[in-house]
Amino acid sequence: MNKISFEGIGEVAATFACEAGVQEGQVVKLTGNGTVGACGDKERFCGVALVNNGGFASVQVSGLAEVGAGEDVSAGWVKLSADSKGGVQRDDAAGMEYLVVSAGGGRAVVRL
């Protein structure tokens, strides 16, 4: 049993219109005025979709969020971008720097 939890720390969410294909738990990008969509490979992300309901999404834009992550993502300050599968990947060339507080098993906890 894991005795460490980062769930909900500093979480701030906002409601956006969302494009088709946005899934709960995936990283998303801003695609228009108040609208989010799925990220493509190596794109910057603005948050994590928490809920998708009828064309609107609650998106976590701040705080610690758990996301899918490539095996090359490790704890510490890491440059990340979207991986086109709803998660994140290490991207030393063009990624934005994020604090990763936990990584492993295809998941990472990232400070947005």
N, C-alpha and C. Protein backbone atom coordinates (compact mmCIF):
# COMPACT_ATOMS: atom_id res chain seq x y z
N MET A 1 0.84 -1.18 0.00
CA MET A 1 0.00 0.00 0.00
C MET A 1 0.88 1.24 0.00
N ASN A 2 0.61 2.15 -0.93
CA ASN A 2 1.38 3.38 -1.02
C ASN A 2 0.88 4.36 0.04
N LYS A 3 1.79 4.89 0.84
CA LYS A 3 1.42 5.81 1.92
C LYS A 3 1.59 7.27 1.52
N ILE A 4 1.97 7.50 0.26
CA ILE A 4 2.17 8.86 -0.22
C ILE A 4 1.06 9.18 -1.22
N SER A 5 0.40 10.33 -1.03
CA SER A 5 -0.66 10.75 -1.95
C SER A 5 -0.46 12.21 -2.31
N PHE A 6 -0.55 12.49 -3.60
CA PHE A 6 -0.47 13.87 -4.09
C PHE A 6 -1.82 14.33 -4.62
N GLU A 7 -2.85 13.53 -4.46
CA GLU A 7 -4.17 13.79 -5.03
C GLU A 7 -4.76 15.11 -4.51
N GLY A 8 -5.16 15.97 -5.46
CA GLY A 8 -5.88 17.20 -5.13
C GLY A 8 -5.03 18.36 -4.66
N ILE A 9 -3.71 18.20 -4.55
CA ILE A 9 -2.87 19.29 -4.03
C ILE A 9 -2.84 20.44 -5.03
N GLY A 10 -3.33 21.59 -4.62
CA GLY A 10 -3.30 22.81 -5.43
C GLY A 10 -4.18 22.76 -6.66
N GLU A 11 -5.10 21.83 -6.71
CA GLU A 11 -5.92 21.65 -7.92
C GLU A 11 -6.81 22.86 -8.20
N VAL A 12 -6.70 23.38 -9.42
CA VAL A 12 -7.57 24.44 -9.91
C VAL A 12 -8.10 23.96 -11.25
N ALA A 13 -9.42 23.98 -11.41
CA ALA A 13 -10.04 23.53 -12.65
C ALA A 13 -10.96 24.61 -13.19
N ALA A 14 -11.10 24.62 -14.50
CA ALA A 14 -11.99 25.57 -15.18
C ALA A 14 -12.77 24.81 -16.24
N THR A 15 -13.95 25.34 -16.58
CA THR A 15 -14.79 24.72 -17.60
C THR A 15 -14.48 25.33 -18.96
N PHE A 16 -14.28 24.47 -19.95
CA PHE A 16 -14.02 24.87 -21.33
C PHE A 16 -15.00 24.14 -22.24
N ALA A 17 -15.29 24.72 -23.40
CA ALA A 17 -15.91 23.94 -24.46
C ALA A 17 -14.84 22.95 -24.92
N CYS A 18 -15.25 21.77 -25.37
CA CYS A 18 -14.22 20.83 -25.81
C CYS A 18 -14.58 20.21 -27.15
N GLU A 19 -13.57 19.95 -27.92
CA GLU A 19 -13.73 19.33 -29.22
C GLU A 19 -14.00 17.84 -29.06
N ALA A 20 -14.52 17.23 -30.10
CA ALA A 20 -14.75 15.78 -30.10
C ALA A 20 -13.43 15.05 -29.88
N GLY A 21 -13.49 13.94 -29.18
CA GLY A 21 -12.31 13.12 -28.98
C GLY A 21 -11.57 13.37 -27.68
N VAL A 22 -11.94 14.40 -26.93
CA VAL A 22 -11.29 14.65 -25.65
C VAL A 22 -11.75 13.60 -24.64
N GLN A 23 -10.79 12.92 -24.05
CA GLN A 23 -11.08 11.87 -23.08
C GLN A 23 -10.69 12.33 -21.68
N GLU A 24 -11.41 11.87 -20.70
CA GLU A 24 -11.08 12.17 -19.30
C GLU A 24 -9.69 11.62 -18.98
N GLY A 25 -8.88 12.44 -18.31
CA GLY A 25 -7.54 12.04 -17.90
C GLY A 25 -6.44 12.35 -18.88
N GLN A 26 -6.77 12.86 -20.07
CA GLN A 26 -5.72 13.16 -21.04
C GLN A 26 -5.31 14.63 -20.96
N VAL A 27 -4.07 14.90 -21.38
CA VAL A 27 -3.63 16.29 -21.46
C VAL A 27 -4.30 16.92 -22.68
N VAL A 28 -4.60 18.22 -22.57
CA VAL A 28 -5.28 18.94 -23.64
C VAL A 28 -4.56 20.25 -23.95
N LYS A 29 -4.88 20.79 -25.12
CA LYS A 29 -4.33 22.08 -25.55
C LYS A 29 -5.47 23.04 -25.81
N LEU A 30 -5.17 24.31 -25.75
CA LEU A 30 -6.13 25.35 -26.10
C LEU A 30 -6.21 25.39 -27.62
N THR A 31 -7.44 25.27 -28.17
CA THR A 31 -7.60 25.26 -29.62
C THR A 31 -8.36 26.47 -30.14
N GLY A 32 -8.91 27.26 -29.24
CA GLY A 32 -9.67 28.45 -29.62
C GLY A 32 -10.11 29.18 -28.38
N ASN A 33 -10.91 30.18 -28.55
CA ASN A 33 -11.39 30.99 -27.45
C ASN A 33 -12.22 30.14 -26.48
N GLY A 34 -11.67 29.79 -25.33
CA GLY A 34 -12.37 29.00 -24.34
C GLY A 34 -12.62 27.56 -24.74
N THR A 35 -11.82 27.03 -25.67
CA THR A 35 -12.02 25.68 -26.19
C THR A 35 -10.73 24.88 -26.10
N VAL A 36 -10.86 23.60 -25.70
CA VAL A 36 -9.71 22.70 -25.65
C VAL A 36 -9.94 21.52 -26.58
N GLY A 37 -8.82 20.90 -26.96
CA GLY A 37 -8.85 19.72 -27.82
C GLY A 37 -7.71 18.80 -27.47
N ALA A 38 -7.71 17.63 -28.07
CA ALA A 38 -6.65 16.65 -27.84
C ALA A 38 -5.33 17.17 -28.40
N CYS A 39 -4.25 16.80 -27.75
CA CYS A 39 -2.91 17.20 -28.20
C CYS A 39 -2.36 16.20 -29.21
N GLY A 40 -1.58 16.71 -30.12
CA GLY A 40 -0.81 15.88 -31.03
C GLY A 40 0.57 15.64 -30.45
N ASP A 41 1.36 14.84 -31.12
CA ASP A 41 2.71 14.51 -30.68
C ASP A 41 3.58 15.76 -30.57
N LYS A 42 4.24 15.89 -29.43
CA LYS A 42 5.20 16.96 -29.14
C LYS A 42 4.57 18.35 -29.03
N GLU A 43 3.26 18.43 -28.83
CA GLU A 43 2.61 19.72 -28.63
C GLU A 43 2.62 20.11 -27.16
N ARG A 44 2.54 21.41 -26.91
CA ARG A 44 2.43 21.91 -25.53
C ARG A 44 1.01 21.67 -25.04
N PHE A 45 0.88 21.39 -23.76
CA PHE A 45 -0.44 21.16 -23.18
C PHE A 45 -0.73 22.22 -22.14
N CYS A 46 -2.05 22.49 -21.92
CA CYS A 46 -2.44 23.53 -20.97
C CYS A 46 -3.07 22.95 -19.71
N GLY A 47 -3.38 21.66 -19.71
CA GLY A 47 -4.00 21.06 -18.54
C GLY A 47 -4.43 19.63 -18.80
N VAL A 48 -5.23 19.10 -17.87
CA VAL A 48 -5.69 17.72 -17.94
C VAL A 48 -7.22 17.73 -17.87
N ALA A 49 -7.86 17.06 -18.82
CA ALA A 49 -9.33 16.96 -18.82
C ALA A 49 -9.77 16.05 -17.68
N LEU A 50 -10.56 16.59 -16.78
CA LEU A 50 -11.07 15.80 -15.65
C LEU A 50 -12.40 15.15 -15.98
N VAL A 51 -13.26 15.89 -16.67
CA VAL A 51 -14.60 15.42 -17.03
C VAL A 51 -14.93 15.96 -18.42
N ASN A 52 -15.57 15.15 -19.24
CA ASN A 52 -16.08 15.59 -20.53
C ASN A 52 -17.57 15.28 -20.52
N ASN A 53 -18.39 16.34 -20.59
CA ASN A 53 -19.83 16.16 -20.48
C ASN A 53 -20.55 17.04 -21.51
N GLY A 54 -21.06 16.43 -22.55
CA GLY A 54 -21.88 17.16 -23.51
C GLY A 54 -21.19 18.30 -24.21
N GLY A 55 -19.93 18.13 -24.58
CA GLY A 55 -19.22 19.18 -25.30
C GLY A 55 -18.54 20.20 -24.41
N PHE A 56 -18.55 19.96 -23.11
CA PHE A 56 -17.84 20.83 -22.16
C PHE A 56 -16.93 19.97 -21.29
N ALA A 57 -15.79 20.52 -20.94
CA ALA A 57 -14.83 19.77 -20.13
C ALA A 57 -14.38 20.58 -18.94
N SER A 58 -14.26 19.91 -17.81
CA SER A 58 -13.60 20.48 -16.64
C SER A 58 -12.12 20.15 -16.82
N VAL A 59 -11.29 21.18 -16.86
CA VAL A 59 -9.86 21.00 -17.14
C VAL A 59 -9.04 21.49 -15.96
N GLN A 60 -8.20 20.61 -15.43
CA GLN A 60 -7.29 21.02 -14.36
C GLN A 60 -6.16 21.81 -15.00
N VAL A 61 -6.00 23.07 -14.57
CA VAL A 61 -5.01 23.96 -15.15
C VAL A 61 -3.87 24.29 -14.19
N SER A 62 -3.98 23.82 -12.94
CA SER A 62 -2.95 24.09 -11.95
C SER A 62 -2.97 23.00 -10.89
N GLY A 63 -1.84 22.84 -10.21
CA GLY A 63 -1.73 21.85 -9.14
C GLY A 63 -1.07 20.58 -9.61
N LEU A 64 -1.06 19.56 -8.76
CA LEU A 64 -0.46 18.27 -9.09
C LEU A 64 -1.49 17.40 -9.78
N ALA A 65 -1.13 16.86 -10.94
CA ALA A 65 -2.03 16.02 -11.73
C ALA A 65 -1.32 14.74 -12.14
N GLU A 66 -2.03 13.63 -12.07
CA GLU A 66 -1.47 12.35 -12.53
C GLU A 66 -1.86 12.15 -13.99
N VAL A 67 -0.86 11.82 -14.80
CA VAL A 67 -1.08 11.63 -16.24
C VAL A 67 -0.32 10.40 -16.72
N GLY A 68 -0.71 9.90 -17.88
CA GLY A 68 0.07 8.85 -18.52
C GLY A 68 1.42 9.42 -18.92
N ALA A 69 2.47 8.60 -18.84
CA ALA A 69 3.81 9.11 -19.13
C ALA A 69 4.68 8.03 -19.75
N GLY A 70 5.55 8.46 -20.65
CA GLY A 70 6.53 7.56 -21.23
C GLY A 70 7.51 7.08 -20.18
N GLU A 71 8.14 5.95 -20.44
CA GLU A 71 9.08 5.36 -19.49
C GLU A 71 10.32 6.23 -19.26
N ASP A 72 10.59 7.17 -20.17
CA ASP A 72 11.76 8.04 -20.02
C ASP A 72 11.49 9.25 -19.12
N VAL A 73 10.26 9.39 -18.62
CA VAL A 73 9.93 10.48 -17.69
C VAL A 73 10.34 10.06 -16.29
N SER A 74 11.11 10.92 -15.62
CA SER A 74 11.60 10.62 -14.28
C SER A 74 11.30 11.79 -13.34
N ALA A 75 11.44 11.57 -12.06
CA ALA A 75 11.20 12.61 -11.07
C ALA A 75 12.24 13.72 -11.21
N GLY A 76 11.82 14.95 -10.92
CA GLY A 76 12.69 16.11 -11.00
C GLY A 76 12.13 17.11 -12.00
N TRP A 77 12.96 18.09 -12.35
CA TRP A 77 12.56 19.09 -13.35
C TRP A 77 12.83 18.48 -14.71
N VAL A 78 11.76 18.29 -15.50
CA VAL A 78 11.84 17.58 -16.77
C VAL A 78 11.11 18.39 -17.84
N LYS A 79 11.69 18.45 -19.03
CA LYS A 79 11.02 19.09 -20.16
C LYS A 79 10.06 18.07 -20.76
N LEU A 80 8.77 18.47 -20.82
CA LEU A 80 7.72 17.57 -21.29
C LEU A 80 6.92 18.18 -22.43
N SER A 81 6.35 17.31 -23.25
CA SER A 81 5.35 17.68 -24.25
C SER A 81 4.34 16.54 -24.31
N ALA A 82 3.24 16.76 -25.03
CA ALA A 82 2.22 15.72 -25.18
C ALA A 82 2.77 14.58 -26.04
N ASP A 83 2.19 13.39 -25.85
CA ASP A 83 2.66 12.23 -26.62
C ASP A 83 1.65 11.73 -27.65
N SER A 84 0.59 12.44 -27.91
CA SER A 84 -0.47 12.12 -28.87
C SER A 84 -1.35 10.95 -28.45
N LYS A 85 -1.09 10.35 -27.27
CA LYS A 85 -1.93 9.28 -26.74
C LYS A 85 -2.65 9.73 -25.48
N GLY A 86 -2.59 11.04 -25.20
CA GLY A 86 -3.25 11.58 -24.02
C GLY A 86 -2.34 11.78 -22.84
N GLY A 87 -1.10 11.36 -22.96
CA GLY A 87 -0.14 11.50 -21.87
C GLY A 87 0.98 12.45 -22.23
N VAL A 88 2.09 12.31 -21.51
CA VAL A 88 3.25 13.19 -21.72
C VAL A 88 4.49 12.35 -22.00
N GLN A 89 5.48 13.02 -22.59
CA GLN A 89 6.76 12.38 -22.88
C GLN A 89 7.88 13.36 -22.61
N ARG A 90 9.06 12.83 -22.36
CA ARG A 90 10.24 13.68 -22.21
C ARG A 90 10.54 14.30 -23.57
N ASP A 91 10.83 15.61 -23.58
CA ASP A 91 11.09 16.33 -24.83
C ASP A 91 12.13 17.40 -24.53
N ASP A 92 13.40 16.97 -24.48
CA ASP A 92 14.48 17.89 -24.13
C ASP A 92 14.68 18.99 -25.15
N ALA A 93 14.27 18.78 -26.39
CA ALA A 93 14.48 19.77 -27.44
C ALA A 93 13.47 20.92 -27.38
N ALA A 94 12.18 20.60 -27.28
CA ALA A 94 11.16 21.65 -27.40
C ALA A 94 10.14 21.66 -26.27
N GLY A 95 10.28 20.76 -25.29
CA GLY A 95 9.30 20.69 -24.21
C GLY A 95 9.39 21.84 -23.23
N MET A 96 8.32 22.00 -22.46
CA MET A 96 8.28 22.98 -21.37
C MET A 96 8.75 22.26 -20.10
N GLU A 97 9.39 22.99 -19.21
CA GLU A 97 9.90 22.38 -17.98
C GLU A 97 8.79 22.28 -16.93
N TYR A 98 8.62 21.08 -16.37
CA TYR A 98 7.63 20.80 -15.33
C TYR A 98 8.31 20.07 -14.19
N LEU A 99 7.79 20.24 -12.99
CA LEU A 99 8.26 19.47 -11.85
C LEU A 99 7.48 18.17 -11.82
N VAL A 100 8.17 17.04 -11.95
CA VAL A 100 7.58 15.72 -11.85
C VAL A 100 7.91 15.21 -10.46
N VAL A 101 6.89 15.01 -9.61
CA VAL A 101 7.14 14.60 -8.22
C VAL A 101 7.14 13.09 -8.05
N SER A 102 6.62 12.37 -9.05
CA SER A 102 6.58 10.91 -8.99
C SER A 102 6.44 10.38 -10.41
N ALA A 103 7.19 9.32 -10.75
CA ALA A 103 7.10 8.74 -12.08
C ALA A 103 7.40 7.25 -12.02
N GLY A 104 6.72 6.50 -12.87
CA GLY A 104 6.97 5.08 -12.99
C GLY A 104 5.72 4.33 -13.38
N GLY A 105 5.91 3.17 -13.99
CA GLY A 105 4.79 2.34 -14.38
C GLY A 105 3.87 2.98 -15.41
N GLY A 106 4.41 3.85 -16.24
CA GLY A 106 3.59 4.49 -17.27
C GLY A 106 2.75 5.66 -16.78
N ARG A 107 2.99 6.12 -15.55
CA ARG A 107 2.25 7.25 -14.97
C ARG A 107 3.24 8.24 -14.37
N ALA A 108 2.83 9.50 -14.26
CA ALA A 108 3.64 10.53 -13.61
C ALA A 108 2.72 11.53 -12.93
N VAL A 109 3.18 12.08 -11.82
CA VAL A 109 2.48 13.18 -11.14
C VAL A 109 3.27 14.44 -11.46
N VAL A 110 2.60 15.37 -12.16
CA VAL A 110 3.23 16.57 -12.70
C VAL A 110 2.59 17.81 -12.09
N ARG A 111 3.42 18.79 -11.73
CA ARG A 111 2.88 20.08 -11.29
C ARG A 111 2.59 20.92 -12.52
N LEU A 112 1.32 21.23 -12.71
CA LEU A 112 0.90 22.05 -13.85
C LEU A 112 1.14 23.52 -13.58
